[in-house]
Amino acid sequence: MKRTFIILGLILLVGLAAMCATPGSNQQSTGTQQQTDTSSQSSTSGTGEVLFNEKYTLNGTYYKSYTMPVTKGSKVKFSYETIDNETFDAYILNSVQHNYLSLYGLSNMKKNNQYLKFYSGTKSEFEYTFPLDGAYFFIIHNGNNFQVQYYSSAIITSGEKLQKYEYVIAQGTNTSFGKDGWRAYASTLQKGEVIHIYYSVRQNEYRNRFIKMYVLDTNGYNGWRKSPIDYSGKIYFDSTNDRERSYEQLKWTVPEKGTYYIVFWNRDSPESLGLDFKIYKQF
């Protein structure tokens, strides 16, 4: 890739970056003194729109994340190049994988193949077709122990950018829960964020399958999982499906920054059950 990048005279472009420190890895804040940012954001949607286009200085062992809300089938052309021919890693993630990254760090994400695509090298140019509507993330990682400057860009070659989208934390279709079985889904959340929780129990003919849904903080979850039936600590949200409704659609506002756990527990059913669910944020 040549070191030539798009200059748009009439459209101001701002590279989208979702930034937060994560356990086990580092993500560089856009407010650091090392930033050299020439990115901008387009106000239009569709073919030819620049999702990001920038020159940036990234600290050693840090990564940077670019948000890309696009429609199903959109094709995006990516390019990046390090100035001093240093090797970078690049990843494309969906929002569930990005949530995993924020919780467990880059090394765990890579080890457990929590990504859609992976690239590595001093430079690369490629096109990727996105499988569904939603938020996706382009991750640039400087695995070196020193600062490296790079150029990067992403341009929609077919399809559109979404103006409204969902950040899906976790979802499942007919997810199995044994009698008294439970599953927990975690996310690091900011104060004031609104979390949407949809769930629907696959009922039997007697409609006597019930599942409890709790929201717990880290201390509460650690205590609850040791002995769910005896837990008496703080529960931020408590819900059980109504036998007369086919689904539950709930909203919860985060009271303080922290890691929270959405727990589904097949506590009051006579048998195992299947659950459809989605936990998400709206933008």
Protein backbone atom coordinates (compact mmCIF):
# COMPACT_ATOMS: atom_id res chain seq x y z
CA MET A 1 0.00 0.00 0.00
CA LYS A 2 1.34 3.37 -0.92
CA ARG A 3 1.47 5.98 1.76
CA THR A 4 -1.23 8.03 0.14
CA PHE A 5 -4.50 8.70 1.87
CA ILE A 6 -7.79 10.30 1.01
CA ILE A 7 -8.08 14.08 1.32
CA LEU A 8 -11.64 15.28 1.33
CA GLY A 9 -11.96 19.05 1.01
CA LEU A 10 -15.66 19.46 1.78
CA ILE A 11 -16.39 16.54 4.09
CA LEU A 12 -14.93 16.54 7.58
CA LEU A 13 -13.90 13.02 8.55
CA VAL A 14 -13.58 11.82 12.14
CA GLY A 15 -12.28 8.28 12.78
CA LEU A 16 -14.51 6.45 15.15
CA ALA A 17 -12.71 4.90 18.10
CA ALA A 18 -14.25 3.00 21.02
CA MET A 19 -11.65 3.34 23.74
CA CYS A 20 -11.41 1.78 27.18
CA ALA A 21 -8.68 0.07 29.20
CA THR A 22 -9.07 -3.69 29.41
CA PRO A 23 -7.68 -6.30 31.80
CA GLY A 24 -4.80 -8.22 30.30
CA SER A 25 -4.16 -5.71 27.52
CA ASN A 26 -3.84 -1.99 26.87
CA GLN A 27 -5.87 0.27 24.68
CA GLN A 28 -4.57 3.72 23.85
CA SER A 29 -6.81 6.64 24.66
CA THR A 30 -7.43 9.29 22.03
CA GLY A 31 -6.46 11.85 24.66
CA THR A 32 -2.82 10.77 24.99
CA GLN A 33 0.02 13.08 23.99
CA GLN A 34 1.27 10.46 21.53
CA GLN A 35 -1.77 10.85 19.29
CA THR A 36 -1.26 12.14 15.76
CA ASP A 37 -4.79 12.08 14.43
CA THR A 38 -5.83 13.19 10.95
CA SER A 39 -9.14 11.29 10.89
CA SER A 40 -12.63 12.64 10.28
CA GLN A 41 -16.22 11.40 9.94
CA SER A 42 -18.51 11.63 6.93
CA SER A 43 -22.04 12.89 7.38
CA THR A 44 -23.42 10.82 4.50
CA SER A 45 -24.07 7.11 4.15
CA GLY A 46 -23.35 4.69 1.33
CA THR A 47 -20.77 3.58 -1.18
CA GLY A 48 -17.56 5.60 -0.99
CA GLU A 49 -18.06 6.71 2.61
CA VAL A 50 -14.89 6.82 4.67
CA LEU A 51 -15.36 5.07 8.02
CA PHE A 52 -11.93 6.18 9.21
CA ASN A 53 -8.76 7.57 7.67
CA GLU A 54 -5.89 8.55 9.91
CA LYS A 55 -2.23 8.71 10.82
CA TYR A 56 -1.71 7.61 14.43
CA THR A 57 1.07 6.90 16.93
CA LEU A 58 0.35 3.81 19.03
CA ASN A 59 2.19 2.96 22.23
CA GLY A 60 3.97 -0.36 22.61
CA THR A 61 1.65 -3.31 23.53
CA TYR A 62 -1.40 -1.05 23.09
CA TYR A 63 -4.28 -1.42 20.67
CA LYS A 64 -6.81 0.93 19.11
CA SER A 65 -10.41 0.16 18.21
CA TYR A 66 -12.49 1.67 15.37
CA THR A 67 -16.29 1.30 15.41
CA MET A 68 -18.02 0.40 12.13
CA PRO A 69 -21.85 0.15 12.14
CA VAL A 70 -22.76 -1.22 8.70
CA THR A 71 -25.61 -2.99 6.94
CA LYS A 72 -25.71 -6.67 6.06
CA GLY A 73 -23.65 -7.42 2.95
CA SER A 74 -21.65 -4.17 3.09
CA LYS A 75 -18.16 -4.44 1.64
CA VAL A 76 -15.39 -2.38 3.20
CA LYS A 77 -11.86 -1.90 1.88
CA PHE A 78 -9.27 -1.73 4.65
CA SER A 79 -5.65 -0.65 4.50
CA TYR A 80 -2.93 -0.05 7.05
CA GLU A 81 0.82 0.45 6.98
CA THR A 82 3.41 1.03 9.69
CA ILE A 83 5.91 3.76 8.94
CA ASP A 84 9.06 1.91 10.03
CA ASN A 85 8.05 -1.52 8.69
CA GLU A 86 7.14 -2.82 12.14
CA THR A 87 4.65 -5.69 12.31
CA PHE A 88 1.12 -4.97 13.54
CA ASP A 89 -1.81 -7.32 14.12
CA ALA A 90 -5.28 -6.37 12.90
CA TYR A 91 -8.63 -7.93 13.81
CA ILE A 92 -12.26 -7.57 12.74
CA LEU A 93 -14.74 -8.27 15.56
CA ASN A 94 -18.49 -8.25 16.02
CA SER A 95 -19.91 -6.64 19.17
CA VAL A 96 -20.12 -9.91 21.15
CA GLN A 97 -16.43 -10.49 20.46
CA HIS A 98 -15.62 -6.86 21.28
CA ASN A 99 -17.41 -7.29 24.61
CA TYR A 100 -15.24 -10.40 25.22
CA LEU A 101 -12.15 -8.31 24.43
CA SER A 102 -13.14 -5.63 26.94
CA LEU A 103 -13.56 -8.26 29.65
CA TYR A 104 -10.69 -10.66 29.10
CA GLY A 105 -8.08 -8.84 27.04
CA LEU A 106 -6.41 -9.26 23.70
CA SER A 107 -4.36 -12.38 24.46
CA ASN A 108 -7.44 -14.32 25.60
CA MET A 109 -9.43 -13.08 22.62
CA LYS A 110 -6.77 -14.31 20.19
CA LYS A 111 -6.21 -17.60 22.04
CA ASN A 112 -9.92 -18.42 21.95
CA ASN A 113 -10.43 -17.26 18.35
CA GLN A 114 -12.90 -14.54 19.34
CA TYR A 115 -12.67 -12.66 16.05
CA LEU A 116 -14.07 -12.76 12.50
CA LYS A 117 -10.79 -12.06 10.68
CA PHE A 118 -7.11 -11.74 11.61
CA TYR A 119 -4.28 -10.11 9.68
CA SER A 120 -0.63 -9.53 10.54
CA GLY A 121 2.28 -7.72 8.92
CA THR A 122 3.89 -4.36 8.29
CA LYS A 123 1.12 -3.41 5.85
CA SER A 124 -2.00 -4.87 4.35
CA GLU A 125 -4.87 -4.01 2.02
CA PHE A 126 -7.99 -6.17 1.88
CA GLU A 127 -11.77 -6.14 1.49
CA TYR A 128 -14.25 -7.71 3.90
CA THR A 129 -17.99 -8.41 3.50
CA PHE A 130 -20.01 -8.03 6.71
CA PRO A 131 -22.49 -10.85 7.38
CA LEU A 132 -25.28 -9.00 9.26
CA ASP A 133 -26.53 -5.55 10.22
CA GLY A 134 -24.72 -4.36 13.30
CA ALA A 135 -21.69 -2.83 14.97
CA TYR A 136 -18.27 -4.18 14.03
CA PHE A 137 -14.81 -3.21 15.19
CA PHE A 138 -11.43 -2.93 13.51
CA ILE A 139 -8.63 -3.48 16.03
CA ILE A 140 -5.04 -2.40 15.40
CA HIS A 141 -2.54 -3.92 17.88
CA ASN A 142 1.07 -2.85 18.36
CA GLY A 143 2.71 -5.95 19.79
CA ASN A 144 6.09 -4.24 19.99
CA ASN A 145 7.39 -2.76 23.24
CA PHE A 146 7.89 0.68 21.68
CA GLN A 147 5.78 3.30 19.92
CA VAL A 148 4.99 2.80 16.25
CA GLN A 149 3.33 5.22 13.85
CA TYR A 150 0.91 3.93 11.24
CA TYR A 151 -1.60 4.93 8.59
CA SER A 152 -5.00 3.26 8.35
CA SER A 153 -8.26 3.69 6.47
CA ALA A 154 -11.57 1.96 5.79
CA ILE A 155 -13.91 2.84 2.91
CA ILE A 156 -17.33 1.38 2.11
CA THR A 157 -17.17 0.01 -1.45
CA SER A 158 -20.70 -1.43 -1.38
CA GLY A 159 -23.51 -1.06 1.15
CA GLU A 160 -24.26 1.55 3.82
CA LYS A 161 -23.30 2.79 7.24
CA LEU A 162 -26.01 2.37 9.89
CA GLN A 163 -27.19 5.57 11.58
CA LYS A 164 -28.81 3.56 14.41
CA TYR A 165 -27.54 0.22 15.59
CA GLU A 166 -27.36 -2.28 18.45
CA TYR A 167 -24.28 -3.31 20.40
CA VAL A 168 -25.08 -6.92 21.27
CA ILE A 169 -23.42 -8.09 24.49
CA ALA A 170 -24.72 -11.66 24.27
CA GLN A 171 -27.48 -13.57 22.50
CA GLY A 172 -28.69 -17.12 22.06
CA THR A 173 -31.35 -19.16 20.28
CA ASN A 174 -32.89 -22.16 22.06
CA THR A 175 -30.01 -22.11 24.55
CA SER A 176 -30.32 -25.15 26.78
CA PHE A 177 -30.78 -24.88 30.56
CA GLY A 178 -30.97 -28.07 32.60
CA LYS A 179 -33.22 -28.20 35.65
CA ASP A 180 -31.70 -25.78 38.19
CA GLY A 181 -29.05 -24.87 35.58
CA TRP A 182 -27.85 -21.31 35.02
CA ARG A 183 -25.69 -19.21 32.71
CA ALA A 184 -24.15 -15.75 33.23
CA TYR A 185 -23.19 -13.09 30.69
CA ALA A 186 -20.85 -10.27 31.76
CA SER A 187 -20.09 -6.80 30.46
CA THR A 188 -18.13 -3.78 31.66
CA LEU A 189 -20.60 -0.89 31.65
CA GLN A 190 -20.59 2.86 32.22
CA LYS A 191 -22.83 4.79 34.60
CA GLY A 192 -26.08 5.81 32.93
CA GLU A 193 -25.94 3.28 30.09
CA VAL A 194 -29.26 1.60 29.31
CA ILE A 195 -29.18 -2.17 28.87
CA HIS A 196 -31.99 -3.91 26.99
CA ILE A 197 -32.77 -7.51 27.90
CA TYR A 198 -35.06 -9.66 25.78
CA TYR A 199 -35.81 -13.26 26.67
CA SER A 200 -38.36 -15.89 25.70
CA VAL A 201 -38.79 -19.34 27.24
CA ARG A 202 -39.61 -22.25 24.92
CA GLN A 203 -42.75 -23.42 26.71
CA ASN A 204 -44.31 -26.87 26.99
CA GLU A 205 -48.05 -27.58 26.68
CA TYR A 206 -48.57 -26.84 30.40
CA ARG A 207 -46.72 -23.49 30.23
CA ASN A 208 -44.96 -24.29 33.48
CA ARG A 209 -41.41 -23.49 32.44
CA PHE A 210 -39.99 -20.48 34.24
CA ILE A 211 -36.60 -18.83 34.31
CA LYS A 212 -35.28 -16.16 36.66
CA MET A 213 -33.17 -13.28 35.40
CA TYR A 214 -30.86 -11.39 37.77
CA VAL A 215 -28.45 -8.50 37.29
CA LEU A 216 -25.54 -8.70 39.73
CA ASP A 217 -22.30 -6.79 40.21
CA THR A 218 -18.98 -8.63 40.51
CA ASN A 219 -19.15 -9.10 44.28
CA GLY A 220 -22.75 -10.25 44.08
CA TYR A 221 -22.03 -12.69 41.28
CA ASN A 222 -19.05 -14.20 43.12
CA GLY A 223 -21.24 -14.73 46.17
CA TRP A 224 -24.29 -15.93 44.25
CA ARG A 225 -22.52 -18.61 42.22
CA LYS A 226 -21.12 -20.25 45.36
CA SER A 227 -24.65 -20.99 46.57
CA PRO A 228 -27.45 -19.56 44.42
CA ILE A 229 -30.27 -20.81 46.63
CA ASP A 230 -28.77 -19.20 49.75
CA TYR A 231 -27.74 -15.89 48.23
CA SER A 232 -29.05 -12.85 50.13
CA GLY A 233 -26.89 -10.06 48.69
CA LYS A 234 -27.75 -7.18 46.38
CA ILE A 235 -29.70 -7.90 43.19
CA TYR A 236 -29.95 -4.91 40.83
CA PHE A 237 -32.74 -6.38 38.70
CA ASP A 238 -34.94 -9.42 39.31
CA SER A 239 -37.37 -10.83 36.74
CA THR A 240 -39.27 -14.06 36.04
CA ASN A 241 -41.11 -14.74 32.81
CA ASP A 242 -44.91 -14.48 32.91
CA ARG A 243 -46.61 -17.70 31.79
CA GLU A 244 -49.19 -15.69 29.83
CA ARG A 245 -46.61 -13.78 27.79
CA SER A 246 -44.48 -15.23 25.03
CA TYR A 247 -41.48 -13.03 25.88
CA GLU A 248 -40.11 -10.40 28.28
CA GLN A 249 -38.58 -7.10 27.08
CA LEU A 250 -36.81 -5.18 29.85
CA LYS A 251 -34.59 -2.12 30.33
CA TRP A 252 -32.08 -1.45 33.09
CA THR A 253 -29.99 1.69 33.71
CA VAL A 254 -26.46 1.14 35.01
CA PRO A 255 -26.07 2.88 38.41
CA GLU A 256 -22.25 2.99 38.54
CA LYS A 257 -19.35 2.09 36.27
CA GLY A 258 -18.33 -1.55 36.71
CA THR A 259 -18.63 -5.12 35.50
CA TYR A 260 -22.13 -6.60 35.75
CA TYR A 261 -23.51 -10.09 35.19
CA ILE A 262 -26.86 -10.91 33.61
CA VAL A 263 -27.78 -14.33 35.01
CA PHE A 264 -30.49 -16.68 33.72
CA TRP A 265 -31.43 -19.44 36.19
CA ASN A 266 -33.84 -22.31 35.54
CA ARG A 267 -34.91 -22.35 39.15
CA ASP A 268 -38.68 -22.92 39.14
CA SER A 269 -39.24 -25.31 36.24
CA PRO A 270 -39.97 -29.05 36.55
CA GLU A 271 -37.65 -29.81 33.63
CA SER A 272 -34.96 -28.45 31.33
CA LEU A 273 -35.86 -25.66 28.91
CA GLY A 274 -34.68 -23.73 25.88
CA LEU A 275 -34.25 -19.95 25.99
CA ASP A 276 -34.05 -17.30 23.27
CA PHE A 277 -32.39 -14.13 24.54
CA LYS A 278 -30.55 -10.97 23.57
CA ILE A 279 -28.72 -8.48 25.80
CA TYR A 280 -27.84 -5.25 24.04
CA LYS A 281 -27.33 -1.48 24.00
CA GLN A 282 -28.86 0.87 21.43
CA PHE A 283 -27.04 3.67 19.63
